[in-house]
């Protein structure tokens, strides 16, 4: 079994976005990439206010480049919002549901 590592992409608040030596990214808003309980999947948290229409366009772009599954986009459109479990709450295992 592959050991899961906890990776995070951190962006610090600045007036502009620029790549820096050493791989640090500076941006106007914060983001974090957090491993999902599903092996090989991640959750991207973006701390940036936007309208539902703008967010839907972002999801569509992420689907086009293969980062987000089309089903997640369609489910979000059907609900009228996108949902993500908070990092400290873990979903039940399939065995514990029965």
PDB file of N, CA and C in Angstrom:
ATOM      1  N   UNK A   1       0.844  -1.184   0.000  1.00  0.00           N
ATOM      2  CA  UNK A   1       0.000   0.000   0.000  1.00  0.00           C
ATOM      3  C   UNK A   1       0.886   1.243   0.000  1.00  0.00           C
ATOM      4  N   UNK A   2       0.554   2.170  -0.840  1.00  0.00           N
ATOM      5  CA  UNK A   2       1.322   3.409  -0.937  1.00  0.00           C
ATOM      6  C   UNK A   2       1.016   4.333   0.241  1.00  0.00           C
ATOM      7  N   UNK A   3       2.045   4.880   0.819  1.00  0.00           N
ATOM      8  CA  UNK A   3       1.870   5.808   1.932  1.00  0.00           C
ATOM      9  C   UNK A   3       1.363   7.140   1.407  1.00  0.00           C
ATOM     10  N   UNK A   4       0.276   7.626   2.002  1.00  0.00           N
ATOM     11  CA  UNK A   4      -0.264   8.926   1.602  1.00  0.00           C
ATOM     12  C   UNK A   4       0.522  10.034   2.252  1.00  0.00           C
ATOM     13  N   UNK A   5       0.875  10.990   1.458  1.00  0.00           N
ATOM     14  CA  UNK A   5       1.555  12.156   2.012  1.00  0.00           C
ATOM     15  C   UNK A   5       0.600  13.326   1.992  1.00  0.00           C
ATOM     16  N   UNK A   6       0.804  14.225   2.889  1.00  0.00           N
ATOM     17  CA  UNK A   6      -0.054  15.405   2.980  1.00  0.00           C
ATOM     18  C   UNK A   6       0.650  16.549   2.260  1.00  0.00           C
ATOM     19  N   UNK A   7       0.110  16.906   1.100  1.00  0.00           N
ATOM     20  CA  UNK A   7       0.727  18.011   0.364  1.00  0.00           C
ATOM     21  C   UNK A   7      -0.195  19.219   0.424  1.00  0.00           C
ATOM     22  N   UNK A   8       0.418  20.364   0.436  1.00  0.00           N
ATOM     23  CA  UNK A   8      -0.344  21.608   0.460  1.00  0.00           C
ATOM     24  C   UNK A   8       0.322  22.618  -0.447  1.00  0.00           C
ATOM     25  N   UNK A   9      -0.498  23.331  -1.187  1.00  0.00           N
ATOM     26  CA  UNK A   9      -0.022  24.445  -1.985  1.00  0.00           C
ATOM     27  C   UNK A   9      -0.438  25.692  -1.228  1.00  0.00           C
ATOM     28  N   UNK A  10       0.538  26.479  -0.815  1.00  0.00           N
ATOM     29  CA  UNK A  10       0.222  27.673  -0.044  1.00  0.00           C
ATOM     30  C   UNK A  10       0.579  28.901  -0.850  1.00  0.00           C
ATOM     31  N   UNK A  11      -0.298  29.868  -0.823  1.00  0.00           N
ATOM     32  CA  UNK A  11      -0.045  31.137  -1.491  1.00  0.00           C
ATOM     33  C   UNK A  11      -0.210  32.254  -0.479  1.00  0.00           C
ATOM     34  N   UNK A  12       0.750  33.162  -0.464  1.00  0.00           N
ATOM     35  CA  UNK A  12       0.682  34.281   0.466  1.00  0.00           C
ATOM     36  C   UNK A  12       0.060  35.484  -0.210  1.00  0.00           C
ATOM     37  N   UNK A  13      -0.532  36.339   0.583  1.00  0.00           N
ATOM     38  CA  UNK A  13      -1.212  37.522   0.067  1.00  0.00           C
ATOM     39  C   UNK A  13      -0.213  38.601  -0.337  1.00  0.00           C
ATOM     40  N   UNK A  14      -0.297  39.033  -1.600  1.00  0.00           N
ATOM     41  CA  UNK A  14       0.488  40.157  -2.104  1.00  0.00           C
ATOM     42  C   UNK A  14      -0.351  40.887  -3.143  1.00  0.00           C
ATOM     43  N   UNK A  15       0.151  41.975  -3.628  1.00  0.00           N
ATOM     44  CA  UNK A  15      -0.584  42.757  -4.623  1.00  0.00           C
ATOM     45  C   UNK A  15      -0.566  42.110  -5.999  1.00  0.00           C
ATOM     46  N   UNK A  16       0.451  41.315  -6.299  1.00  0.00           N
ATOM     47  CA  UNK A  16       0.534  40.699  -7.621  1.00  0.00           C
ATOM     48  C   UNK A  16       0.960  39.249  -7.502  1.00  0.00           C
ATOM     49  N   UNK A  17       0.824  38.511  -8.578  1.00  0.00           N
ATOM     50  CA  UNK A  17       1.218  37.111  -8.605  1.00  0.00           C
ATOM     51  C   UNK A  17       2.549  36.986  -9.332  1.00  0.00           C
ATOM     52  N   UNK A  18       3.488  36.287  -8.751  1.00  0.00           N
ATOM     53  CA  UNK A  18       4.766  36.077  -9.423  1.00  0.00           C
ATOM     54  C   UNK A  18       5.408  34.794  -8.915  1.00  0.00           C
ATOM     55  N   UNK A  19       6.092  34.072  -9.818  1.00  0.00           N
ATOM     56  CA  UNK A  19       6.838  32.883  -9.421  1.00  0.00           C
ATOM     57  C   UNK A  19       8.162  33.337  -8.829  1.00  0.00           C
ATOM     58  N   UNK A  20       8.605  32.650  -7.799  1.00  0.00           N
ATOM     59  CA  UNK A  20       9.860  33.020  -7.150  1.00  0.00           C
ATOM     60  C   UNK A  20      10.792  31.824  -7.140  1.00  0.00           C
ATOM     61  N   UNK A  21      12.056  32.096  -6.983  1.00  0.00           N
ATOM     62  CA  UNK A  21      13.048  31.028  -6.874  1.00  0.00           C
ATOM     63  C   UNK A  21      12.705  30.158  -5.669  1.00  0.00           C
ATOM     64  N   UNK A  22      12.941  28.883  -5.784  1.00  0.00           N
ATOM     65  CA  UNK A  22      12.634  27.972  -4.684  1.00  0.00           C
ATOM     66  C   UNK A  22      11.215  27.453  -4.739  1.00  0.00           C
ATOM     67  N   UNK A  23      10.440  27.799  -5.753  1.00  0.00           N
ATOM     68  CA  UNK A  23       9.102  27.255  -5.933  1.00  0.00           C
ATOM     69  C   UNK A  23       8.002  27.955  -5.160  1.00  0.00           C
ATOM     70  N   UNK A  24       8.313  28.982  -4.389  1.00  0.00           N
ATOM     71  CA  UNK A  24       7.272  29.689  -3.642  1.00  0.00           C
ATOM     72  C   UNK A  24       6.417  30.497  -4.613  1.00  0.00           C
ATOM     73  N   UNK A  25       5.111  30.476  -4.392  1.00  0.00           N
ATOM     74  CA  UNK A  25       4.181  31.226  -5.232  1.00  0.00           C
ATOM     75  C   UNK A  25       3.580  32.332  -4.389  1.00  0.00           C
ATOM     76  N   UNK A  26       3.536  33.530  -4.936  1.00  0.00           N
ATOM     77  CA  UNK A  26       2.913  34.649  -4.231  1.00  0.00           C
ATOM     78  C   UNK A  26       1.675  35.049  -5.012  1.00  0.00           C
ATOM     79  N   UNK A  27       0.576  35.210  -4.329  1.00  0.00           N
ATOM     80  CA  UNK A  27      -0.683  35.535  -4.991  1.00  0.00           C
ATOM     81  C   UNK A  27      -1.547  36.394  -4.080  1.00  0.00           C
ATOM     82  N   UNK A  28      -2.605  36.948  -4.660  1.00  0.00           N
ATOM     83  CA  UNK A  28      -3.503  37.817  -3.913  1.00  0.00           C
ATOM     84  C   UNK A  28      -4.444  37.040  -2.998  1.00  0.00           C
ATOM     85  N   UNK A  29      -4.580  35.739  -3.201  1.00  0.00           N
ATOM     86  CA  UNK A  29      -5.499  34.928  -2.398  1.00  0.00           C
ATOM     87  C   UNK A  29      -4.836  33.609  -2.023  1.00  0.00           C
ATOM     88  N   UNK A  30      -5.323  32.994  -0.970  1.00  0.00           N
ATOM     89  CA  UNK A  30      -4.743  31.737  -0.496  1.00  0.00           C
ATOM     90  C   UNK A  30      -5.452  30.541  -1.099  1.00  0.00           C
ATOM     91  N   UNK A  31      -4.716  29.446  -1.237  1.00  0.00           N
ATOM     92  CA  UNK A  31      -5.274  28.187  -1.712  1.00  0.00           C
ATOM     93  C   UNK A  31      -4.568  27.050  -0.990  1.00  0.00           C
ATOM     94  N   UNK A  32      -5.246  25.915  -0.860  1.00  0.00           N
ATOM     95  CA  UNK A  32      -4.636  24.741  -0.235  1.00  0.00           C
ATOM     96  C   UNK A  32      -5.095  23.499  -0.977  1.00  0.00           C
ATOM     97  N   UNK A  33      -4.173  22.600  -1.257  1.00  0.00           N
ATOM     98  CA  UNK A  33      -4.468  21.314  -1.870  1.00  0.00           C
ATOM     99  C   UNK A  33      -4.358  20.267  -0.775  1.00  0.00           C
ATOM    100  N   UNK A  34      -5.485  19.610  -0.462  1.00  0.00           N
ATOM    101  CA  UNK A  34      -5.560  18.695   0.665  1.00  0.00           C
ATOM    102  C   UNK A  34      -5.955  17.312   0.160  1.00  0.00           C
ATOM    103  N   UNK A  35      -5.236  16.248   0.565  1.00  0.00           N
ATOM    104  CA  UNK A  35      -5.585  14.898   0.122  1.00  0.00           C
ATOM    105  C   UNK A  35      -7.004  14.513   0.547  1.00  0.00           C
ATOM    106  N   UNK A  36      -7.698  13.814  -0.342  1.00  0.00           N
ATOM    107  CA  UNK A  36      -9.033  13.292  -0.065  1.00  0.00           C
ATOM    108  C   UNK A  36      -8.893  11.960   0.655  1.00  0.00           C
ATOM    109  N   UNK A  37      -9.988  11.462   1.230  1.00  0.00           N
ATOM    110  CA  UNK A  37      -9.959  10.120   1.808  1.00  0.00           C
ATOM    111  C   UNK A  37      -9.955   9.075   0.689  1.00  0.00           C
ATOM    112  N   UNK A  38     -10.247   9.495  -0.549  1.00  0.00           N
ATOM    113  CA  UNK A  38     -10.147   8.611  -1.710  1.00  0.00           C
ATOM    114  C   UNK A  38      -8.711   8.666  -2.216  1.00  0.00           C
ATOM    115  N   UNK A  39      -8.029   7.545  -2.202  1.00  0.00           N
ATOM    116  CA  UNK A  39      -6.626   7.474  -2.611  1.00  0.00           C
ATOM    117  C   UNK A  39      -6.399   8.124  -3.968  1.00  0.00           C
ATOM    118  N   UNK A  40      -5.405   8.992  -4.050  1.00  0.00           N
ATOM    119  CA  UNK A  40      -5.054   9.642  -5.309  1.00  0.00           C
ATOM    120  C   UNK A  40      -5.917  10.837  -5.677  1.00  0.00           C
ATOM    121  N   UNK A  41      -6.862  11.207  -4.823  1.00  0.00           N
ATOM    122  CA  UNK A  41      -7.725  12.363  -5.071  1.00  0.00           C
ATOM    123  C   UNK A  41      -7.398  13.458  -4.061  1.00  0.00           C
ATOM    124  N   UNK A  42      -7.709  14.700  -4.445  1.00  0.00           N
ATOM    125  CA  UNK A  42      -7.403  15.845  -3.590  1.00  0.00           C
ATOM    126  C   UNK A  42      -8.557  16.835  -3.617  1.00  0.00           C
ATOM    127  N   UNK A  43      -8.599  17.707  -2.627  1.00  0.00           N
ATOM    128  CA  UNK A  43      -9.554  18.806  -2.576  1.00  0.00           C
ATOM    129  C   UNK A  43      -8.762  20.099  -2.694  1.00  0.00           C
ATOM    130  N   UNK A  44      -9.224  20.996  -3.556  1.00  0.00           N
ATOM    131  CA  UNK A  44      -8.576  22.294  -3.726  1.00  0.00           C
ATOM    132  C   UNK A  44      -9.457  23.349  -3.079  1.00  0.00           C
ATOM    133  N   UNK A  45      -8.953  23.954  -2.020  1.00  0.00           N
ATOM    134  CA  UNK A  45      -9.660  25.035  -1.338  1.00  0.00           C
ATOM    135  C   UNK A  45      -9.087  26.350  -1.849  1.00  0.00           C
ATOM    136  N   UNK A  46      -9.954  27.238  -2.352  1.00  0.00           N
ATOM    137  CA  UNK A  46      -9.520  28.534  -2.872  1.00  0.00           C
ATOM    138  C   UNK A  46     -10.213  29.621  -2.065  1.00  0.00           C
ATOM    139  N   UNK A  47      -9.423  30.446  -1.405  1.00  0.00           N
ATOM    140  CA  UNK A  47      -9.966  31.529  -0.587  1.00  0.00           C
ATOM    141  C   UNK A  47     -10.074  32.782  -1.458  1.00  0.00           C
ATOM    142  N   UNK A  48     -11.117  32.822  -2.262  1.00  0.00           N
ATOM    143  CA  UNK A  48     -11.331  33.947  -3.172  1.00  0.00           C
ATOM    144  C   UNK A  48     -12.835  34.074  -3.442  1.00  0.00           C
ATOM    145  N   UNK A  49     -13.450  35.153  -3.017  1.00  0.00           N
ATOM    146  CA  UNK A  49     -14.883  35.313  -3.254  1.00  0.00           C
ATOM    147  C   UNK A  49     -15.170  35.421  -4.750  1.00  0.00           C
ATOM    148  N   UNK A  50     -16.222  34.736  -5.200  1.00  0.00           N
ATOM    149  CA  UNK A  50     -16.646  34.836  -6.596  1.00  0.00           C
ATOM    150  C   UNK A  50     -18.113  34.476  -6.701  1.00  0.00           C
ATOM    151  N   UNK A  51     -18.727  34.922  -7.776  1.00  0.00           N
ATOM    152  CA  UNK A  51     -20.138  34.610  -8.014  1.00  0.00           C
ATOM    153  C   UNK A  51     -20.269  33.146  -8.415  1.00  0.00           C
ATOM    154  N   UNK A  52     -21.487  32.615  -8.319  1.00  0.00           N
ATOM    155  CA  UNK A  52     -21.732  31.237  -8.746  1.00  0.00           C
ATOM    156  C   UNK A  52     -21.386  31.086 -10.230  1.00  0.00           C
ATOM    157  N   UNK A  53     -21.723  32.066 -11.052  1.00  0.00           N
ATOM    158  CA  UNK A  53     -21.429  31.994 -12.482  1.00  0.00           C
ATOM    159  C   UNK A  53     -19.917  31.922 -12.729  1.00  0.00           C
ATOM    160  N   UNK A  54     -19.145  32.731 -12.032  1.00  0.00           N
ATOM    161  CA  UNK A  54     -17.688  32.694 -12.181  1.00  0.00           C
ATOM    162  C   UNK A  54     -17.134  31.353 -11.699  1.00  0.00           C
ATOM    163  N   UNK A  55     -17.676  30.855 -10.586  1.00  0.00           N
ATOM    164  CA  UNK A  55     -17.211  29.574 -10.048  1.00  0.00           C
ATOM    165  C   UNK A  55     -17.540  28.434 -11.011  1.00  0.00           C
ATOM    166  N   UNK A  56     -18.715  28.482 -11.607  1.00  0.00           N
ATOM    167  CA  UNK A  56     -19.110  27.456 -12.583  1.00  0.00           C
ATOM    168  C   UNK A  56     -18.150  27.465 -13.773  1.00  0.00           C
ATOM    169  N   UNK A  57     -17.762  28.663 -14.229  1.00  0.00           N
ATOM    170  CA  UNK A  57     -16.791  28.759 -15.324  1.00  0.00           C
ATOM    171  C   UNK A  57     -15.436  28.177 -14.904  1.00  0.00           C
ATOM    172  N   UNK A  58     -15.031  28.405 -13.664  1.00  0.00           N
ATOM    173  CA  UNK A  58     -13.791  27.829 -13.151  1.00  0.00           C
ATOM    174  C   UNK A  58     -13.884  26.303 -13.153  1.00  0.00           C
ATOM    175  N   UNK A  59     -15.006  25.767 -12.658  1.00  0.00           N
ATOM    176  CA  UNK A  59     -15.197  24.313 -12.665  1.00  0.00           C
ATOM    177  C   UNK A  59     -15.149  23.761 -14.084  1.00  0.00           C
ATOM    178  N   UNK A  60     -15.792  24.452 -15.029  1.00  0.00           N
ATOM    179  CA  UNK A  60     -15.780  24.005 -16.425  1.00  0.00           C
ATOM    180  C   UNK A  60     -14.352  23.951 -16.960  1.00  0.00           C
ATOM    181  N   UNK A  61     -13.545  24.959 -16.658  1.00  0.00           N
ATOM    182  CA  UNK A  61     -12.148  24.980 -17.116  1.00  0.00           C
ATOM    183  C   UNK A  61     -11.365  23.824 -16.488  1.00  0.00           C
ATOM    184  N   UNK A  62     -11.619  23.541 -15.215  1.00  0.00           N
ATOM    185  CA  UNK A  62     -10.937  22.435 -14.544  1.00  0.00           C
ATOM    186  C   UNK A  62     -11.359  21.087 -15.116  1.00  0.00           C
ATOM    187  N   UNK A  63     -12.594  20.972 -15.583  1.00  0.00           N
ATOM    188  CA  UNK A  63     -13.048  19.751 -16.262  1.00  0.00           C
ATOM    189  C   UNK A  63     -12.318  19.608 -17.599  1.00  0.00           C
ATOM    190  N   UNK A  64     -12.224  20.693 -18.362  1.00  0.00           N
ATOM    191  CA  UNK A  64     -11.577  20.659 -19.677  1.00  0.00           C
ATOM    192  C   UNK A  64     -10.130  20.168 -19.574  1.00  0.00           C
ATOM    193  N   UNK A  65      -9.398  20.600 -18.541  1.00  0.00           N
ATOM    194  CA  UNK A  65      -7.996  20.201 -18.410  1.00  0.00           C
ATOM    195  C   UNK A  65      -7.823  18.907 -17.622  1.00  0.00           C
ATOM    196  N   UNK A  66      -8.926  18.301 -17.188  1.00  0.00           N
ATOM    197  CA  UNK A  66      -8.866  16.990 -16.548  1.00  0.00           C
ATOM    198  C   UNK A  66      -8.598  16.989 -15.064  1.00  0.00           C
ATOM    199  N   UNK A  67      -8.751  18.120 -14.406  1.00  0.00           N
ATOM    200  CA  UNK A  67      -8.509  18.193 -12.959  1.00  0.00           C
ATOM    201  C   UNK A  67      -9.764  17.827 -12.170  1.00  0.00           C
ATOM    202  N   UNK A  68     -10.925  18.230 -12.662  1.00  0.00           N
ATOM    203  CA  UNK A  68     -12.204  17.947 -12.008  1.00  0.00           C
ATOM    204  C   UNK A  68     -12.991  16.970 -12.884  1.00  0.00           C
ATOM    205  N   UNK A  69     -13.647  16.019 -12.240  1.00  0.00           N
ATOM    206  CA  UNK A  69     -14.469  15.048 -12.974  1.00  0.00           C
ATOM    207  C   UNK A  69     -15.749  15.719 -13.449  1.00  0.00           C
ATOM    208  N   UNK A  70     -16.185  15.419 -14.693  1.00  0.00           N
ATOM    209  CA  UNK A  70     -17.413  16.018 -15.216  1.00  0.00           C
ATOM    210  C   UNK A  70     -18.622  15.778 -14.306  1.00  0.00           C
ATOM    211  N   UNK A  71     -18.681  14.634 -13.652  1.00  0.00           N
ATOM    212  CA  UNK A  71     -19.801  14.337 -12.755  1.00  0.00           C
ATOM    213  C   UNK A  71     -19.913  15.309 -11.601  1.00  0.00           C
ATOM    214  N   UNK A  72     -18.776  15.787 -11.096  1.00  0.00           N
ATOM    215  CA  UNK A  72     -18.798  16.761 -10.003  1.00  0.00           C
ATOM    216  C   UNK A  72     -19.391  18.079 -10.486  1.00  0.00           C
ATOM    217  N   UNK A  73     -19.007  18.482 -11.705  1.00  0.00           N
ATOM    218  CA  UNK A  73     -19.568  19.705 -12.283  1.00  0.00           C
ATOM    219  C   UNK A  73     -21.076  19.565 -12.446  1.00  0.00           C
ATOM    220  N   UNK A  74     -21.520  18.446 -13.016  1.00  0.00           N
ATOM    221  CA  UNK A  74     -22.961  18.250 -13.257  1.00  0.00           C
ATOM    222  C   UNK A  74     -23.748  18.181 -11.944  1.00  0.00           C
ATOM    223  N   UNK A  75     -23.202  17.500 -10.950  1.00  0.00           N
ATOM    224  CA  UNK A  75     -23.876  17.432  -9.646  1.00  0.00           C
ATOM    225  C   UNK A  75     -23.963  18.813  -9.012  1.00  0.00           C
ATOM    226  N   UNK A  76     -22.895  19.598  -9.130  1.00  0.00           N
ATOM    227  CA  UNK A  76     -22.889  20.959  -8.571  1.00  0.00           C
ATOM    228  C   UNK A  76     -23.916  21.833  -9.273  1.00  0.00           C
ATOM    229  N   UNK A  77     -24.004  21.728 -10.600  1.00  0.00           N
ATOM    230  CA  UNK A  77     -24.996  22.503 -11.354  1.00  0.00           C
ATOM    231  C   UNK A  77     -26.415  22.093 -10.962  1.00  0.00           C
ATOM    232  N   UNK A  78     -26.648  20.793 -10.777  1.00  0.00           N
ATOM    233  CA  UNK A  78     -27.978  20.312 -10.388  1.00  0.00           C
ATOM    234  C   UNK A  78     -28.391  20.839  -9.021  1.00  0.00           C
ATOM    235  N   UNK A  79     -27.432  20.860  -8.071  1.00  0.00           N
ATOM    236  CA  UNK A  79     -27.719  21.352  -6.722  1.00  0.00           C
ATOM    237  C   UNK A  79     -27.799  22.869  -6.677  1.00  0.00           C
ATOM    238  N   UNK A  80     -27.072  23.532  -7.586  1.00  0.00           N
ATOM    239  CA  UNK A  80     -26.984  24.988  -7.554  1.00  0.00           C
ATOM    240  C   UNK A  80     -25.867  25.485  -6.654  1.00  0.00           C
ATOM    241  N   UNK A  81     -25.017  24.585  -6.205  1.00  0.00           N
ATOM    242  CA  UNK A  81     -23.857  24.935  -5.390  1.00  0.00           C
ATOM    243  C   UNK A  81     -22.889  23.752  -5.398  1.00  0.00           C
ATOM    244  N   UNK A  82     -21.649  24.024  -5.067  1.00  0.00           N
ATOM    245  CA  UNK A  82     -20.642  22.978  -4.938  1.00  0.00           C
ATOM    246  C   UNK A  82     -20.388  22.738  -3.457  1.00  0.00           C
ATOM    247  N   UNK A  83     -20.212  21.497  -3.089  1.00  0.00           N
ATOM    248  CA  UNK A  83     -20.003  21.162  -1.687  1.00  0.00           C
ATOM    249  C   UNK A  83     -18.708  20.385  -1.517  1.00  0.00           C
ATOM    250  N   UNK A  84     -18.063  20.610  -0.389  1.00  0.00           N
ATOM    251  CA  UNK A  84     -16.819  19.938  -0.078  1.00  0.00           C
ATOM    252  C   UNK A  84     -16.790  19.705   1.423  1.00  0.00           C
ATOM    253  N   UNK A  85     -16.448  18.499   1.810  1.00  0.00           N
ATOM    254  CA  UNK A  85     -16.379  18.168   3.234  1.00  0.00           C
ATOM    255  C   UNK A  85     -15.225  18.945   3.872  1.00  0.00           C
ATOM    256  N   UNK A  86     -15.440  19.477   5.048  1.00  0.00           N
ATOM    257  CA  UNK A  86     -14.378  20.198   5.749  1.00  0.00           C
ATOM    258  C   UNK A  86     -13.283  19.204   6.127  1.00  0.00           C
ATOM    259  N   UNK A  87     -12.012  19.636   6.151  1.00  0.00           N
ATOM    260  CA  UNK A  87     -10.898  18.699   6.343  1.00  0.00           C
ATOM    261  C   UNK A  87     -10.950  17.883   7.629  1.00  0.00           C
ATOM    262  N   UNK A  88     -11.550  18.395   8.682  1.00  0.00           N
ATOM    263  CA  UNK A  88     -11.554  17.677   9.953  1.00  0.00           C
ATOM    264  C   UNK A  88     -12.715  16.688  10.071  1.00  0.00           C
ATOM    265  N   UNK A  89     -13.604  16.628   9.081  1.00  0.00           N
ATOM    266  CA  UNK A  89     -14.719  15.688   9.094  1.00  0.00           C
ATOM    267  C   UNK A  89     -14.444  14.606   8.062  1.00  0.00           C
ATOM    268  N   UNK A  90     -14.420  13.350   8.511  1.00  0.00           N
ATOM    269  CA  UNK A  90     -14.123  12.231   7.616  1.00  0.00           C
ATOM    270  C   UNK A  90     -15.388  11.458   7.304  1.00  0.00           C
ATOM    271  N   UNK A  91     -15.534  11.046   6.021  1.00  0.00           N
ATOM    272  CA  UNK A  91     -16.724  10.273   5.664  1.00  0.00           C
ATOM    273  C   UNK A  91     -16.615   8.868   6.218  1.00  0.00           C
ATOM    274  N   UNK A  92     -17.778   8.247   6.414  1.00  0.00           N
ATOM    275  CA  UNK A  92     -17.821   6.898   6.942  1.00  0.00           C
ATOM    276  C   UNK A  92     -17.257   5.923   5.906  1.00  0.00           C
ATOM    277  N   UNK A  93     -16.687   4.845   6.400  1.00  0.00           N
ATOM    278  CA  UNK A  93     -16.250   3.799   5.479  1.00  0.00           C
ATOM    279  C   UNK A  93     -17.498   3.083   4.969  1.00  0.00           C
ATOM    280  N   UNK A  94     -17.388   2.418   3.828  1.00  0.00           N
ATOM    281  CA  UNK A  94     -18.529   1.698   3.252  1.00  0.00           C
ATOM    282  C   UNK A  94     -19.029   0.634   4.213  1.00  0.00           C
ATOM    283  N   UNK A  95     -18.112  -0.013   4.942  1.00  0.00           N
ATOM    284  CA  UNK A  95     -18.503  -1.081   5.867  1.00  0.00           C
ATOM    285  C   UNK A  95     -19.364  -0.539   7.014  1.00  0.00           C
ATOM    286  N   UNK A  96     -19.083   0.681   7.475  1.00  0.00           N
ATOM    287  CA  UNK A  96     -19.819   1.210   8.637  1.00  0.00           C
ATOM    288  C   UNK A  96     -21.191   1.747   8.264  1.00  0.00           C
ATOM    289  N   UNK A  97     -21.494   1.848   6.962  1.00  0.00           N
ATOM    290  CA  UNK A  97     -22.801   2.344   6.521  1.00  0.00           C
ATOM    291  C   UNK A  97     -23.881   1.267   6.597  1.00  0.00           C
ATOM    292  N   UNK A  98     -23.499   0.020   6.691  1.00  0.00           N
ATOM    293  CA  UNK A  98     -24.486  -1.071   6.622  1.00  0.00           C
ATOM    294  C   UNK A  98     -24.761  -1.680   7.955  1.00  0.00           C
TER     295      UNK A  98
END
